[in-house]
Amino acid sequence: MKKNRFIITAIVLFQFFSFTNLLSDILKIGSDSAKITVKVFSSLTCPHCASFHNKIFENLKKDYINKGKVKFEHHAFPLDLAALNAEKIVRCAPNPEAKFKLLDKIYDEQKKWAVGSDINKINEILIKIGIESTIRESKLKKCLDNEESQELILKERIDAQREYNITSTPTIYINDKKYEDKHEFKSFKKQIDKLL
């Protein structure tokens, strides 16, 4: 309950600040000239987001992203403090490929860290996951304390709410058209193939 109150308070406060000097930090992978852009608005504590990512992302990467046909964007939409901190850990990785590998791991191990209400315990587990991904503990702790990163993530959520009117996670767009079919690769592939 406390962590939900924190995230709502933080978002309300950040809406009063100007972020014009901050660069966008949306996680992207794939060619900028790809014909198709897939945008996924997710909270890293959301089981449906983990399920969508685990069922679709790897196949999408192999069949479309790596071939320059699809650009994939992970848009942070944290629903609580644990999800916000997990986003900060993901962004601690040094490059897009490493960030997406860490994102995979965060989703794979969601049931281990996204439990309970003790944010200190959650942070400890997130740091362990980061260390397993060869990021130094000191760097991970700095990332968790990084206010600029937090501002970027919260700005991302505010912008998504404003532009796409997100009401639940995950919300998926393929070339700015909302995807509302099954969270299975077969159904997703059908939508992608129609646009190629």
N, C-alpha and C. Protein backbone atom coordinates (compact mmCIF):
# COMPACT_ATOMS: atom_id res chain seq x y z
N MET A 1 0.83 -1.20 0.00
CA MET A 1 0.00 0.00 0.00
C MET A 1 0.87 1.26 0.00
N LYS A 2 1.92 1.24 0.86
CA LYS A 2 2.82 2.39 0.96
C LYS A 2 3.50 2.67 -0.37
N LYS A 3 3.96 1.58 -1.02
CA LYS A 3 4.71 1.79 -2.27
C LYS A 3 3.81 2.34 -3.37
N ASN A 4 2.51 1.92 -3.38
CA ASN A 4 1.58 2.46 -4.38
C ASN A 4 1.33 3.95 -4.13
N ARG A 5 1.21 4.31 -2.85
CA ARG A 5 1.01 5.71 -2.49
C ARG A 5 2.22 6.55 -2.91
N PHE A 6 3.42 5.96 -2.72
CA PHE A 6 4.66 6.66 -3.10
C PHE A 6 4.67 6.96 -4.59
N ILE A 7 4.37 5.95 -5.42
CA ILE A 7 4.47 6.13 -6.87
C ILE A 7 3.45 7.16 -7.36
N ILE A 8 2.24 7.13 -6.80
CA ILE A 8 1.21 8.10 -7.21
C ILE A 8 1.64 9.51 -6.80
N THR A 9 2.13 9.66 -5.58
CA THR A 9 2.62 10.97 -5.11
C THR A 9 3.75 11.47 -5.99
N ALA A 10 4.70 10.56 -6.31
CA ALA A 10 5.86 10.95 -7.14
C ALA A 10 5.41 11.41 -8.51
N ILE A 11 4.45 10.70 -9.11
CA ILE A 11 3.98 11.07 -10.45
C ILE A 11 3.30 12.44 -10.41
N VAL A 12 2.46 12.65 -9.41
CA VAL A 12 1.77 13.94 -9.29
C VAL A 12 2.80 15.07 -9.14
N LEU A 13 3.80 14.86 -8.30
CA LEU A 13 4.83 15.89 -8.11
C LEU A 13 5.61 16.16 -9.40
N PHE A 14 5.98 15.08 -10.11
CA PHE A 14 6.80 15.26 -11.30
C PHE A 14 6.03 15.93 -12.44
N GLN A 15 4.68 15.88 -12.39
CA GLN A 15 3.90 16.55 -13.43
C GLN A 15 4.08 18.06 -13.38
N PHE A 16 4.55 18.58 -12.25
CA PHE A 16 4.72 20.02 -12.12
C PHE A 16 6.08 20.51 -12.59
N PHE A 17 6.99 19.58 -12.90
CA PHE A 17 8.33 19.96 -13.34
C PHE A 17 8.44 19.91 -14.85
N SER A 18 9.34 20.70 -15.39
CA SER A 18 9.63 20.65 -16.82
C SER A 18 10.80 19.72 -17.05
N PHE A 19 10.63 18.82 -18.03
CA PHE A 19 11.69 17.85 -18.32
C PHE A 19 12.32 18.11 -19.67
N THR A 20 12.20 19.31 -20.18
CA THR A 20 12.67 19.60 -21.53
C THR A 20 14.17 19.37 -21.71
N ASN A 21 14.93 19.47 -20.63
CA ASN A 21 16.38 19.28 -20.75
C ASN A 21 16.81 17.83 -20.61
N LEU A 22 15.86 16.95 -20.27
CA LEU A 22 16.21 15.54 -20.10
C LEU A 22 15.99 14.78 -21.40
N LEU A 23 16.95 13.93 -21.74
CA LEU A 23 16.82 13.13 -22.96
C LEU A 23 15.92 11.94 -22.71
N SER A 24 15.23 11.50 -23.77
CA SER A 24 14.39 10.31 -23.67
C SER A 24 15.28 9.10 -23.42
N ASP A 25 14.80 8.23 -22.57
CA ASP A 25 15.59 7.05 -22.23
C ASP A 25 14.79 5.78 -22.49
N ILE A 26 13.88 5.82 -23.46
CA ILE A 26 13.06 4.65 -23.79
C ILE A 26 13.97 3.54 -24.31
N LEU A 27 13.74 2.32 -23.83
CA LEU A 27 14.54 1.18 -24.29
C LEU A 27 14.09 0.77 -25.68
N LYS A 28 15.04 0.79 -26.62
CA LYS A 28 14.71 0.44 -28.01
C LYS A 28 15.71 -0.58 -28.52
N ILE A 29 15.23 -1.47 -29.38
CA ILE A 29 16.12 -2.41 -30.04
C ILE A 29 15.60 -2.63 -31.46
N GLY A 30 16.52 -2.70 -32.42
CA GLY A 30 16.11 -2.87 -33.82
C GLY A 30 16.42 -1.64 -34.64
N SER A 31 16.22 -1.77 -35.93
CA SER A 31 16.57 -0.70 -36.86
C SER A 31 15.59 0.46 -36.81
N ASP A 32 16.12 1.69 -36.82
CA ASP A 32 15.26 2.88 -36.87
C ASP A 32 14.52 2.98 -38.19
N SER A 33 15.01 2.29 -39.22
CA SER A 33 14.34 2.34 -40.52
C SER A 33 13.38 1.16 -40.72
N ALA A 34 13.14 0.39 -39.66
CA ALA A 34 12.21 -0.75 -39.76
C ALA A 34 10.82 -0.24 -40.13
N LYS A 35 10.12 -1.06 -40.91
CA LYS A 35 8.78 -0.71 -41.37
C LYS A 35 7.76 -0.73 -40.22
N ILE A 36 8.06 -1.53 -39.21
CA ILE A 36 7.12 -1.71 -38.11
C ILE A 36 7.77 -1.35 -36.77
N THR A 37 7.02 -0.61 -35.95
CA THR A 37 7.46 -0.32 -34.59
C THR A 37 6.45 -0.92 -33.62
N VAL A 38 6.96 -1.74 -32.72
CA VAL A 38 6.13 -2.33 -31.67
C VAL A 38 6.46 -1.59 -30.38
N LYS A 39 5.41 -1.03 -29.75
CA LYS A 39 5.58 -0.33 -28.48
C LYS A 39 4.84 -1.11 -27.40
N VAL A 40 5.55 -1.45 -26.33
CA VAL A 40 4.93 -2.18 -25.23
C VAL A 40 5.05 -1.34 -23.96
N PHE A 41 3.91 -0.98 -23.39
CA PHE A 41 3.87 -0.20 -22.16
C PHE A 41 3.67 -1.18 -21.00
N SER A 42 4.69 -1.28 -20.13
CA SER A 42 4.70 -2.34 -19.13
C SER A 42 5.09 -1.84 -17.75
N SER A 43 4.57 -2.55 -16.76
CA SER A 43 5.05 -2.43 -15.39
C SER A 43 5.77 -3.73 -15.07
N LEU A 44 7.00 -3.64 -14.58
CA LEU A 44 7.81 -4.85 -14.41
C LEU A 44 7.32 -5.77 -13.29
N THR A 45 6.37 -5.30 -12.48
CA THR A 45 5.76 -6.17 -11.47
C THR A 45 4.47 -6.83 -11.97
N CYS A 46 4.08 -6.53 -13.19
CA CYS A 46 2.82 -7.03 -13.76
C CYS A 46 3.01 -8.43 -14.36
N PRO A 47 2.32 -9.46 -13.84
CA PRO A 47 2.48 -10.83 -14.35
C PRO A 47 2.11 -10.97 -15.83
N HIS A 48 1.09 -10.22 -16.27
CA HIS A 48 0.68 -10.29 -17.69
C HIS A 48 1.77 -9.71 -18.60
N CYS A 49 2.49 -8.70 -18.10
CA CYS A 49 3.60 -8.11 -18.87
C CYS A 49 4.72 -9.14 -19.02
N ALA A 50 5.02 -9.84 -17.93
CA ALA A 50 6.06 -10.89 -17.96
C ALA A 50 5.66 -11.99 -18.93
N SER A 51 4.40 -12.38 -18.87
CA SER A 51 3.90 -13.44 -19.75
C SER A 51 4.00 -13.03 -21.22
N PHE A 52 3.57 -11.79 -21.53
CA PHE A 52 3.65 -11.30 -22.90
C PHE A 52 5.11 -11.29 -23.37
N HIS A 53 5.98 -10.76 -22.54
CA HIS A 53 7.39 -10.65 -22.91
C HIS A 53 8.00 -12.03 -23.14
N ASN A 54 7.74 -12.95 -22.22
CA ASN A 54 8.34 -14.28 -22.31
C ASN A 54 7.80 -15.09 -23.49
N LYS A 55 6.54 -14.88 -23.84
CA LYS A 55 5.94 -15.65 -24.94
C LYS A 55 6.26 -15.07 -26.31
N ILE A 56 6.52 -13.77 -26.37
CA ILE A 56 6.61 -13.12 -27.68
C ILE A 56 7.97 -12.53 -28.01
N PHE A 57 8.65 -11.89 -27.05
CA PHE A 57 9.83 -11.10 -27.38
C PHE A 57 10.95 -11.88 -28.08
N GLU A 58 11.35 -13.03 -27.56
CA GLU A 58 12.49 -13.77 -28.15
C GLU A 58 12.22 -14.18 -29.59
N ASN A 59 11.01 -14.67 -29.85
CA ASN A 59 10.64 -15.05 -31.23
C ASN A 59 10.60 -13.83 -32.15
N LEU A 60 10.07 -12.74 -31.62
CA LEU A 60 10.00 -11.50 -32.38
C LEU A 60 11.41 -11.01 -32.71
N LYS A 61 12.29 -11.12 -31.75
CA LYS A 61 13.68 -10.69 -31.95
C LYS A 61 14.36 -11.52 -33.04
N LYS A 62 14.20 -12.83 -32.95
CA LYS A 62 14.84 -13.75 -33.90
C LYS A 62 14.28 -13.58 -35.32
N ASP A 63 12.96 -13.51 -35.42
CA ASP A 63 12.31 -13.52 -36.75
C ASP A 63 12.18 -12.14 -37.40
N TYR A 64 12.15 -11.08 -36.59
CA TYR A 64 11.87 -9.76 -37.16
C TYR A 64 12.87 -8.67 -36.76
N ILE A 65 13.16 -8.55 -35.47
CA ILE A 65 14.02 -7.46 -35.00
C ILE A 65 15.43 -7.61 -35.57
N ASN A 66 16.00 -8.80 -35.44
CA ASN A 66 17.37 -9.04 -35.93
C ASN A 66 17.50 -8.92 -37.44
N LYS A 67 16.36 -9.02 -38.13
CA LYS A 67 16.36 -8.92 -39.60
C LYS A 67 16.03 -7.51 -40.09
N GLY A 68 15.92 -6.57 -39.16
CA GLY A 68 15.68 -5.18 -39.53
C GLY A 68 14.24 -4.86 -39.91
N LYS A 69 13.31 -5.79 -39.63
CA LYS A 69 11.91 -5.58 -40.03
C LYS A 69 11.08 -4.90 -38.95
N VAL A 70 11.52 -5.05 -37.70
CA VAL A 70 10.75 -4.50 -36.58
C VAL A 70 11.69 -3.77 -35.62
N LYS A 71 11.23 -2.61 -35.16
CA LYS A 71 11.89 -1.92 -34.05
C LYS A 71 10.99 -2.14 -32.84
N PHE A 72 11.59 -2.52 -31.71
CA PHE A 72 10.83 -2.82 -30.50
C PHE A 72 11.16 -1.79 -29.44
N GLU A 73 10.12 -1.23 -28.82
CA GLU A 73 10.30 -0.25 -27.76
C GLU A 73 9.62 -0.72 -26.48
N HIS A 74 10.39 -0.77 -25.41
CA HIS A 74 9.84 -1.06 -24.08
C HIS A 74 9.62 0.29 -23.40
N HIS A 75 8.36 0.61 -23.12
CA HIS A 75 8.02 1.87 -22.46
C HIS A 75 7.69 1.59 -21.00
N ALA A 76 8.40 2.25 -20.11
CA ALA A 76 8.18 2.05 -18.67
C ALA A 76 6.85 2.64 -18.24
N PHE A 77 6.06 1.82 -17.57
CA PHE A 77 4.80 2.29 -17.00
C PHE A 77 4.66 1.67 -15.60
N PRO A 78 5.58 2.06 -14.68
CA PRO A 78 5.59 1.42 -13.36
C PRO A 78 4.32 1.71 -12.57
N LEU A 79 3.77 0.64 -11.99
CA LEU A 79 2.54 0.77 -11.21
C LEU A 79 2.82 0.86 -9.71
N ASP A 80 4.08 0.65 -9.33
CA ASP A 80 4.46 0.71 -7.91
C ASP A 80 5.96 0.98 -7.80
N LEU A 81 6.41 1.14 -6.58
CA LEU A 81 7.82 1.47 -6.33
C LEU A 81 8.75 0.34 -6.76
N ALA A 82 8.33 -0.90 -6.55
CA ALA A 82 9.16 -2.05 -6.94
C ALA A 82 9.40 -2.04 -8.46
N ALA A 83 8.36 -1.76 -9.22
CA ALA A 83 8.49 -1.71 -10.69
C ALA A 83 9.38 -0.55 -11.11
N LEU A 84 9.26 0.58 -10.43
CA LEU A 84 10.11 1.74 -10.72
C LEU A 84 11.58 1.38 -10.48
N ASN A 85 11.87 0.72 -9.36
CA ASN A 85 13.25 0.36 -9.04
C ASN A 85 13.79 -0.70 -10.00
N ALA A 86 12.94 -1.62 -10.42
CA ALA A 86 13.36 -2.63 -11.40
C ALA A 86 13.74 -1.95 -12.72
N GLU A 87 12.99 -0.92 -13.11
CA GLU A 87 13.32 -0.15 -14.32
C GLU A 87 14.70 0.51 -14.18
N LYS A 88 14.97 1.03 -13.00
CA LYS A 88 16.27 1.68 -12.77
C LYS A 88 17.40 0.66 -12.90
N ILE A 89 17.18 -0.55 -12.43
CA ILE A 89 18.19 -1.61 -12.54
C ILE A 89 18.40 -1.99 -14.01
N VAL A 90 17.33 -2.12 -14.78
CA VAL A 90 17.43 -2.44 -16.22
C VAL A 90 18.26 -1.39 -16.93
N ARG A 91 18.03 -0.13 -16.61
CA ARG A 91 18.73 0.97 -17.28
C ARG A 91 20.19 1.10 -16.84
N CYS A 92 20.57 0.31 -15.85
CA CYS A 92 21.96 0.30 -15.36
C CYS A 92 22.87 -0.46 -16.34
N ALA A 93 22.29 -1.31 -17.16
CA ALA A 93 23.08 -2.08 -18.13
C ALA A 93 23.68 -1.12 -19.16
N PRO A 94 24.86 -1.47 -19.74
CA PRO A 94 25.62 -0.50 -20.53
C PRO A 94 25.12 -0.18 -21.94
N ASN A 95 24.32 -1.04 -22.56
CA ASN A 95 23.88 -0.79 -23.95
C ASN A 95 22.52 -1.44 -24.17
N PRO A 96 21.85 -1.12 -25.28
CA PRO A 96 20.49 -1.67 -25.50
C PRO A 96 20.42 -3.19 -25.43
N GLU A 97 21.37 -3.88 -26.06
CA GLU A 97 21.37 -5.35 -26.04
C GLU A 97 21.44 -5.87 -24.61
N ALA A 98 22.34 -5.30 -23.81
CA ALA A 98 22.49 -5.71 -22.41
C ALA A 98 21.26 -5.35 -21.58
N LYS A 99 20.66 -4.21 -21.88
CA LYS A 99 19.44 -3.79 -21.17
C LYS A 99 18.32 -4.80 -21.43
N PHE A 100 18.17 -5.21 -22.69
CA PHE A 100 17.10 -6.16 -23.01
C PHE A 100 17.38 -7.54 -22.41
N LYS A 101 18.65 -7.94 -22.32
CA LYS A 101 18.99 -9.21 -21.66
C LYS A 101 18.63 -9.15 -20.18
N LEU A 102 18.90 -8.01 -19.56
CA LEU A 102 18.56 -7.82 -18.15
C LEU A 102 17.05 -7.76 -17.96
N LEU A 103 16.36 -7.12 -18.90
CA LEU A 103 14.90 -7.08 -18.87
C LEU A 103 14.33 -8.50 -18.92
N ASP A 104 14.90 -9.35 -19.80
CA ASP A 104 14.48 -10.76 -19.87
C ASP A 104 14.61 -11.42 -18.50
N LYS A 105 15.76 -11.20 -17.86
CA LYS A 105 16.05 -11.83 -16.57
C LYS A 105 15.11 -11.32 -15.47
N ILE A 106 14.86 -10.02 -15.49
CA ILE A 106 13.94 -9.40 -14.50
C ILE A 106 12.55 -10.05 -14.64
N TYR A 107 12.09 -10.21 -15.90
CA TYR A 107 10.79 -10.84 -16.12
C TYR A 107 10.82 -12.32 -15.74
N ASP A 108 11.89 -13.03 -16.12
CA ASP A 108 12.00 -14.46 -15.80
C ASP A 108 11.93 -14.70 -14.30
N GLU A 109 12.51 -13.79 -13.53
CA GLU A 109 12.60 -13.98 -12.08
C GLU A 109 11.60 -13.12 -11.31
N GLN A 110 10.58 -12.65 -12.01
CA GLN A 110 9.60 -11.76 -11.39
C GLN A 110 9.01 -12.33 -10.10
N LYS A 111 8.73 -13.64 -10.09
CA LYS A 111 8.10 -14.25 -8.91
C LYS A 111 9.04 -14.26 -7.70
N LYS A 112 10.34 -14.12 -7.94
CA LYS A 112 11.31 -14.10 -6.82
C LYS A 112 11.41 -12.73 -6.17
N TRP A 113 11.35 -11.66 -6.99
CA TRP A 113 11.60 -10.33 -6.42
C TRP A 113 10.34 -9.49 -6.24
N ALA A 114 9.32 -9.69 -7.07
CA ALA A 114 8.13 -8.81 -7.02
C ALA A 114 7.11 -9.34 -6.02
N VAL A 115 7.59 -9.63 -4.82
CA VAL A 115 6.70 -10.18 -3.79
C VAL A 115 6.90 -9.41 -2.48
N GLY A 116 5.85 -9.41 -1.68
CA GLY A 116 5.95 -8.75 -0.37
C GLY A 116 5.94 -7.24 -0.48
N SER A 117 6.06 -6.59 0.66
CA SER A 117 5.98 -5.12 0.68
C SER A 117 7.27 -4.47 1.19
N ASP A 118 8.28 -5.30 1.50
CA ASP A 118 9.54 -4.74 2.02
C ASP A 118 10.42 -4.33 0.84
N ILE A 119 10.44 -3.03 0.55
CA ILE A 119 11.17 -2.52 -0.62
C ILE A 119 12.68 -2.78 -0.50
N ASN A 120 13.20 -2.83 0.73
CA ASN A 120 14.63 -3.11 0.90
C ASN A 120 14.98 -4.53 0.45
N LYS A 121 14.12 -5.49 0.79
CA LYS A 121 14.33 -6.88 0.36
C LYS A 121 14.21 -6.98 -1.16
N ILE A 122 13.21 -6.29 -1.71
CA ILE A 122 13.01 -6.29 -3.17
C ILE A 122 14.26 -5.72 -3.85
N ASN A 123 14.76 -4.61 -3.33
CA ASN A 123 15.97 -3.99 -3.91
C ASN A 123 17.17 -4.94 -3.84
N GLU A 124 17.31 -5.65 -2.72
CA GLU A 124 18.42 -6.61 -2.57
C GLU A 124 18.38 -7.67 -3.66
N ILE A 125 17.19 -8.20 -3.91
CA ILE A 125 17.04 -9.25 -4.94
C ILE A 125 17.31 -8.66 -6.33
N LEU A 126 16.82 -7.46 -6.58
CA LEU A 126 17.08 -6.79 -7.88
C LEU A 126 18.58 -6.58 -8.09
N ILE A 127 19.27 -6.18 -7.03
CA ILE A 127 20.73 -5.98 -7.12
C ILE A 127 21.42 -7.32 -7.43
N LYS A 128 20.97 -8.41 -6.79
CA LYS A 128 21.55 -9.73 -7.07
C LYS A 128 21.36 -10.11 -8.55
N ILE A 129 20.17 -9.83 -9.08
CA ILE A 129 19.90 -10.12 -10.50
C ILE A 129 20.84 -9.30 -11.38
N GLY A 130 21.05 -8.04 -11.01
CA GLY A 130 21.98 -7.18 -11.76
C GLY A 130 23.41 -7.70 -11.70
N ILE A 131 23.83 -8.16 -10.52
CA ILE A 131 25.19 -8.71 -10.36
C ILE A 131 25.36 -9.95 -11.24
N GLU A 132 24.32 -10.80 -11.28
CA GLU A 132 24.36 -12.00 -12.15
C GLU A 132 24.49 -11.61 -13.62
N SER A 133 24.10 -10.40 -13.94
CA SER A 133 24.22 -9.89 -15.32
C SER A 133 25.52 -9.09 -15.49
N THR A 134 26.47 -9.35 -14.61
CA THR A 134 27.83 -8.78 -14.63
C THR A 134 27.91 -7.26 -14.46
N ILE A 135 26.97 -6.71 -13.70
CA ILE A 135 27.05 -5.29 -13.36
C ILE A 135 27.54 -5.21 -11.91
N ARG A 136 28.48 -4.32 -11.65
CA ARG A 136 29.04 -4.18 -10.30
C ARG A 136 27.97 -3.72 -9.30
N GLU A 137 28.07 -4.25 -8.09
CA GLU A 137 27.11 -3.90 -7.04
C GLU A 137 27.10 -2.40 -6.76
N SER A 138 28.28 -1.78 -6.73
CA SER A 138 28.36 -0.34 -6.45
C SER A 138 27.62 0.46 -7.52
N LYS A 139 27.73 0.02 -8.77
CA LYS A 139 27.03 0.71 -9.87
C LYS A 139 25.52 0.52 -9.74
N LEU A 140 25.09 -0.68 -9.40
CA LEU A 140 23.66 -0.96 -9.24
C LEU A 140 23.05 -0.10 -8.13
N LYS A 141 23.78 0.05 -7.04
CA LYS A 141 23.28 0.88 -5.92
C LYS A 141 23.17 2.34 -6.35
N LYS A 142 24.16 2.79 -7.15
CA LYS A 142 24.09 4.17 -7.67
C LYS A 142 22.88 4.34 -8.59
N CYS A 143 22.62 3.32 -9.40
CA CYS A 143 21.47 3.38 -10.32
C CYS A 143 20.16 3.47 -9.54
N LEU A 144 20.06 2.73 -8.45
CA LEU A 144 18.84 2.78 -7.63
C LEU A 144 18.63 4.15 -7.01
N ASP A 145 19.75 4.84 -6.70
CA ASP A 145 19.66 6.17 -6.07
C ASP A 145 19.62 7.32 -7.09
N ASN A 146 19.66 6.98 -8.38
CA ASN A 146 19.78 8.00 -9.43
C ASN A 146 18.45 8.72 -9.66
N GLU A 147 18.39 9.97 -9.23
CA GLU A 147 17.14 10.74 -9.34
C GLU A 147 16.80 11.11 -10.78
N GLU A 148 17.84 11.37 -11.59
CA GLU A 148 17.58 11.73 -13.00
C GLU A 148 16.93 10.55 -13.73
N SER A 149 17.44 9.34 -13.48
CA SER A 149 16.85 8.15 -14.08
C SER A 149 15.39 7.99 -13.64
N GLN A 150 15.15 8.22 -12.36
CA GLN A 150 13.78 8.14 -11.85
C GLN A 150 12.88 9.16 -12.54
N GLU A 151 13.37 10.36 -12.72
CA GLU A 151 12.58 11.41 -13.39
C GLU A 151 12.25 11.00 -14.83
N LEU A 152 13.23 10.42 -15.53
CA LEU A 152 13.01 9.98 -16.91
C LEU A 152 11.94 8.89 -16.98
N ILE A 153 12.01 7.95 -16.06
CA ILE A 153 11.05 6.83 -16.05
C ILE A 153 9.65 7.36 -15.75
N LEU A 154 9.54 8.25 -14.76
CA LEU A 154 8.23 8.81 -14.43
C LEU A 154 7.69 9.71 -15.54
N LYS A 155 8.59 10.42 -16.20
CA LYS A 155 8.18 11.23 -17.35
C LYS A 155 7.63 10.34 -18.45
N GLU A 156 8.31 9.20 -18.66
CA GLU A 156 7.88 8.24 -19.67
C GLU A 156 6.45 7.78 -19.39
N ARG A 157 6.18 7.51 -18.12
CA ARG A 157 4.84 7.06 -17.73
C ARG A 157 3.80 8.18 -17.96
N ILE A 158 4.15 9.39 -17.54
CA ILE A 158 3.24 10.53 -17.70
C ILE A 158 2.94 10.77 -19.18
N ASP A 159 3.99 10.75 -20.02
CA ASP A 159 3.81 10.95 -21.46
C ASP A 159 2.93 9.87 -22.08
N ALA A 160 3.14 8.62 -21.65
CA ALA A 160 2.35 7.50 -22.17
C ALA A 160 0.88 7.66 -21.79
N GLN A 161 0.66 8.06 -20.54
CA GLN A 161 -0.71 8.26 -20.07
C GLN A 161 -1.40 9.35 -20.89
N ARG A 162 -0.66 10.43 -21.14
CA ARG A 162 -1.21 11.56 -21.88
C ARG A 162 -1.49 11.20 -23.35
N GLU A 163 -0.50 10.55 -23.98
CA GLU A 163 -0.60 10.30 -25.42
C GLU A 163 -1.45 9.08 -25.78
N TYR A 164 -1.34 8.03 -24.96
CA TYR A 164 -2.01 6.77 -25.31
C TYR A 164 -3.14 6.38 -24.37
N ASN A 165 -3.36 7.18 -23.32
CA ASN A 165 -4.43 6.91 -22.37
C ASN A 165 -4.37 5.47 -21.85
N ILE A 166 -3.20 5.08 -21.34
CA ILE A 166 -2.98 3.72 -20.85
C ILE A 166 -3.84 3.48 -19.61
N THR A 167 -4.60 2.39 -19.63
CA THR A 167 -5.44 2.05 -18.47
C THR A 167 -5.03 0.74 -17.83
N SER A 168 -4.22 -0.06 -18.53
CA SER A 168 -3.75 -1.32 -17.95
C SER A 168 -2.43 -1.71 -18.62
N THR A 169 -1.72 -2.65 -17.98
CA THR A 169 -0.47 -3.12 -18.56
C THR A 169 -0.55 -4.64 -18.74
N PRO A 170 0.05 -5.18 -19.81
CA PRO A 170 0.72 -4.40 -20.85
C PRO A 170 -0.29 -3.82 -21.83
N THR A 171 0.04 -2.66 -22.38
CA THR A 171 -0.69 -2.11 -23.52
C THR A 171 0.30 -2.13 -24.68
N ILE A 172 -0.14 -2.71 -25.80
CA ILE A 172 0.77 -2.93 -26.94
C ILE A 172 0.24 -2.21 -28.16
N TYR A 173 1.16 -1.52 -28.84
CA TYR A 173 0.82 -0.87 -30.11
C TYR A 173 1.75 -1.41 -31.20
N ILE A 174 1.15 -1.68 -32.35
CA ILE A 174 1.93 -2.03 -33.55
C ILE A 174 1.68 -0.91 -34.55
N ASN A 175 2.73 -0.14 -34.85
CA ASN A 175 2.58 1.05 -35.73
C ASN A 175 1.42 1.93 -35.28
N ASP A 176 1.37 2.22 -34.01
CA ASP A 176 0.38 3.11 -33.41
C ASP A 176 -1.07 2.61 -33.49
N LYS A 177 -1.24 1.31 -33.78
CA LYS A 177 -2.58 0.70 -33.68
C LYS A 177 -2.54 -0.27 -32.51
N LYS A 178 -3.51 -0.14 -31.62
CA LYS A 178 -3.53 -0.97 -30.40
C LYS A 178 -3.73 -2.44 -30.77
N TYR A 179 -2.87 -3.28 -30.20
CA TYR A 179 -2.97 -4.73 -30.40
C TYR A 179 -3.85 -5.30 -29.29
N GLU A 180 -4.93 -5.98 -29.69
CA GLU A 180 -5.86 -6.48 -28.68
C GLU A 180 -6.15 -7.97 -28.83
N ASP A 181 -5.30 -8.67 -29.56
CA ASP A 181 -5.47 -10.11 -29.77
C ASP A 181 -4.79 -10.89 -28.64
N LYS A 182 -4.70 -12.21 -28.78
CA LYS A 182 -4.10 -13.08 -27.77
C LYS A 182 -2.63 -12.76 -27.57
N HIS A 183 -2.16 -13.01 -26.36
CA HIS A 183 -0.74 -12.83 -26.04
C HIS A 183 0.02 -14.10 -26.39
N GLU A 184 -0.01 -14.42 -27.67
CA GLU A 184 0.70 -15.59 -28.20
C GLU A 184 1.43 -15.15 -29.45
N PHE A 185 2.59 -15.77 -29.71
CA PHE A 185 3.40 -15.35 -30.84
C PHE A 185 2.67 -15.55 -32.18
N LYS A 186 1.92 -16.64 -32.29
CA LYS A 186 1.20 -16.94 -33.54
C LYS A 186 0.25 -15.79 -33.92
N SER A 187 -0.52 -15.32 -32.95
CA SER A 187 -1.47 -14.21 -33.19
C SER A 187 -0.73 -12.91 -33.47
N PHE A 188 0.35 -12.69 -32.72
CA PHE A 188 1.14 -11.47 -32.88
C PHE A 188 1.81 -11.44 -34.25
N LYS A 189 2.36 -12.58 -34.64
CA LYS A 189 3.03 -12.72 -35.95
C LYS A 189 2.07 -12.41 -37.09
N LYS A 190 0.85 -12.84 -36.95
CA LYS A 190 -0.18 -12.61 -37.98
C LYS A 190 -0.36 -11.10 -38.21
N GLN A 191 -0.41 -10.34 -37.10
CA GLN A 191 -0.58 -8.89 -37.20
C GLN A 191 0.65 -8.22 -37.84
N ILE A 192 1.84 -8.70 -37.48
CA ILE A 192 3.08 -8.17 -38.04
C ILE A 192 3.14 -8.45 -39.55
N ASP A 193 2.86 -9.70 -39.92
CA ASP A 193 2.96 -10.11 -41.33
C ASP A 193 2.01 -9.33 -42.24
N LYS A 194 0.88 -8.94 -41.69
CA LYS A 194 -0.10 -8.14 -42.48
C LYS A 194 0.50 -6.80 -42.90
N LEU A 195 1.42 -6.27 -42.09
CA LEU A 195 1.98 -4.94 -42.34
C LEU A 195 3.28 -4.97 -43.14
N LEU A 196 3.83 -6.14 -43.37
CA LEU A 196 5.11 -6.22 -44.11
C LEU A 196 4.89 -6.28 -45.62
